[in-house]
Amino acid sequence: MKEEKIAINTEFIRLDSLLKFAGLTETGGNAKLIIAEERIKVNGEICSQRGKKLRIGDTVEIDELSLKLVICSEDK
């Protein structure tokens, strides 16, 4: 599985915003659909909350893309 680091400069980022920020979806509507279809795992567990707050150290997995996003701070 490919691992990609996503740097944020805030306390948290919402799951739907992360998908857009990482370039995995073009719109918030697309992100909402993918999340509602339970195609996303946060820290190893399926997540259907589009407003889920992700903080530094959290991971998001999208199995169909074989992609793992790791949230990190901008200084790393």
C-alpha atoms as a PDB file:
ATOM      1  CA  MET A   1       0.000   0.000   0.000  1.00  0.00           C
ATOM      2  CA  LYS A   2       1.384   3.392  -0.979  1.00  0.00           C
ATOM      3  CA  GLU A   3       1.780   5.818   1.920  1.00  0.00           C
ATOM      4  CA  GLU A   4       1.504   9.565   1.432  1.00  0.00           C
ATOM      5  CA  LYS A   5       2.006  12.242   4.085  1.00  0.00           C
ATOM      6  CA  ILE A   6      -0.458  15.109   4.207  1.00  0.00           C
ATOM      7  CA  ALA A   7       0.815  18.136   6.125  1.00  0.00           C
ATOM      8  CA  ILE A   8      -1.655  20.394   7.909  1.00  0.00           C
ATOM      9  CA  ASN A   9      -1.032  23.616   9.805  1.00  0.00           C
ATOM     10  CA  THR A  10      -4.215  23.529  11.884  1.00  0.00           C
ATOM     11  CA  GLU A  11      -5.303  21.524  14.915  1.00  0.00           C
ATOM     12  CA  PHE A  12      -7.429  19.212  12.749  1.00  0.00           C
ATOM     13  CA  ILE A  13      -8.906  18.694   9.278  1.00  0.00           C
ATOM     14  CA  ARG A  14     -12.305  17.187   8.520  1.00  0.00           C
ATOM     15  CA  LEU A  15     -12.358  13.919   6.587  1.00  0.00           C
ATOM     16  CA  ASP A  16     -14.279  15.342   3.617  1.00  0.00           C
ATOM     17  CA  SER A  17     -11.916  18.315   3.456  1.00  0.00           C
ATOM     18  CA  LEU A  18      -8.905  15.994   3.596  1.00  0.00           C
ATOM     19  CA  LEU A  19     -10.109  14.050   0.560  1.00  0.00           C
ATOM     20  CA  LYS A  20     -10.429  17.297  -1.400  1.00  0.00           C
ATOM     21  CA  PHE A  21      -7.141  18.718  -0.042  1.00  0.00           C
ATOM     22  CA  ALA A  22      -5.279  15.532  -1.024  1.00  0.00           C
ATOM     23  CA  GLY A  23      -6.746  15.719  -4.532  1.00  0.00           C
ATOM     24  CA  LEU A  24      -8.674  12.458  -4.223  1.00  0.00           C
ATOM     25  CA  THR A  25     -12.037  14.091  -4.975  1.00  0.00           C
ATOM     26  CA  GLU A  26     -12.919  17.147  -7.013  1.00  0.00           C
ATOM     27  CA  THR A  27     -15.895  18.247  -4.928  1.00  0.00           C
ATOM     28  CA  GLY A  28     -17.265  17.947  -1.436  1.00  0.00           C
ATOM     29  CA  GLY A  29     -20.222  16.057  -2.891  1.00  0.00           C
ATOM     30  CA  ASN A  30     -17.926  13.369  -4.260  1.00  0.00           C
ATOM     31  CA  ALA A  31     -16.165  13.122  -0.894  1.00  0.00           C
ATOM     32  CA  LYS A  32     -19.514  12.813   0.891  1.00  0.00           C
ATOM     33  CA  LEU A  33     -20.561   9.962  -1.415  1.00  0.00           C
ATOM     34  CA  ILE A  34     -17.317   8.000  -0.968  1.00  0.00           C
ATOM     35  CA  ILE A  35     -17.533   8.385   2.809  1.00  0.00           C
ATOM     36  CA  ALA A  36     -21.237   7.408   2.917  1.00  0.00           C
ATOM     37  CA  GLU A  37     -20.431   4.256   0.921  1.00  0.00           C
ATOM     38  CA  GLU A  38     -18.028   3.289   3.750  1.00  0.00           C
ATOM     39  CA  ARG A  39     -15.036   3.091   1.412  1.00  0.00           C
ATOM     40  CA  ILE A  40     -12.731   4.916   3.860  1.00  0.00           C
ATOM     41  CA  LYS A  41     -10.969   3.683   6.991  1.00  0.00           C
ATOM     42  CA  VAL A  42      -9.719   6.056   9.674  1.00  0.00           C
ATOM     43  CA  ASN A  43      -7.093   4.573  11.966  1.00  0.00           C
ATOM     44  CA  GLY A  44      -8.011   1.091  10.699  1.00  0.00           C
ATOM     45  CA  GLU A  45     -11.786   1.356  11.201  1.00  0.00           C
ATOM     46  CA  ILE A  46     -14.453   2.085   8.590  1.00  0.00           C
ATOM     47  CA  CYS A  47     -15.672   5.669   8.979  1.00  0.00           C
ATOM     48  CA  SER A  48     -18.925   7.089   7.610  1.00  0.00           C
ATOM     49  CA  GLN A  49     -18.688  10.493   9.345  1.00  0.00           C
ATOM     50  CA  ARG A  50     -17.762  13.081   6.760  1.00  0.00           C
ATOM     51  CA  GLY A  51     -17.078  15.649   9.489  1.00  0.00           C
ATOM     52  CA  LYS A  52     -14.730  13.329  11.395  1.00  0.00           C
ATOM     53  CA  LYS A  53     -11.905  15.448  12.780  1.00  0.00           C
ATOM     54  CA  LEU A  54      -8.479  14.129  11.855  1.00  0.00           C
ATOM     55  CA  ARG A  55      -5.442  15.184  13.815  1.00  0.00           C
ATOM     56  CA  ILE A  56      -1.698  14.759  13.420  1.00  0.00           C
ATOM     57  CA  GLY A  57      -0.845  11.060  13.606  1.00  0.00           C
ATOM     58  CA  ASP A  58      -4.193   9.839  12.259  1.00  0.00           C
ATOM     59  CA  THR A  59      -4.261   7.643   9.160  1.00  0.00           C
ATOM     60  CA  VAL A  60      -6.836   7.362   6.381  1.00  0.00           C
ATOM     61  CA  GLU A  61      -6.916   4.309   4.131  1.00  0.00           C
ATOM     62  CA  ILE A  62      -8.598   3.983   0.775  1.00  0.00           C
ATOM     63  CA  ASP A  63      -8.275   0.299  -0.068  1.00  0.00           C
ATOM     64  CA  GLU A  64      -9.457   0.518  -3.674  1.00  0.00           C
ATOM     65  CA  LEU A  65      -6.593   2.941  -4.394  1.00  0.00           C
ATOM     66  CA  SER A  66      -4.134   1.049  -2.172  1.00  0.00           C
ATOM     67  CA  LEU A  67      -3.408   4.401  -0.582  1.00  0.00           C
ATOM     68  CA  LYS A  68      -2.743   5.374   3.030  1.00  0.00           C
ATOM     69  CA  LEU A  69      -2.713   9.031   4.016  1.00  0.00           C
ATOM     70  CA  VAL A  70      -0.816   9.994   7.168  1.00  0.00           C
ATOM     71  CA  ILE A  71      -1.630  13.350   8.742  1.00  0.00           C
ATOM     72  CA  CYS A  72       1.498  15.219   9.847  1.00  0.00           C
ATOM     73  CA  SER A  73       2.489  18.738  10.796  1.00  0.00           C
ATOM     74  CA  GLU A  74       3.967  21.077   8.184  1.00  0.00           C
ATOM     75  CA  ASP A  75       7.357  21.111   9.882  1.00  0.00           C
ATOM     76  CA  LYS A  76       7.952  17.369   9.272  1.00  0.00           C
END
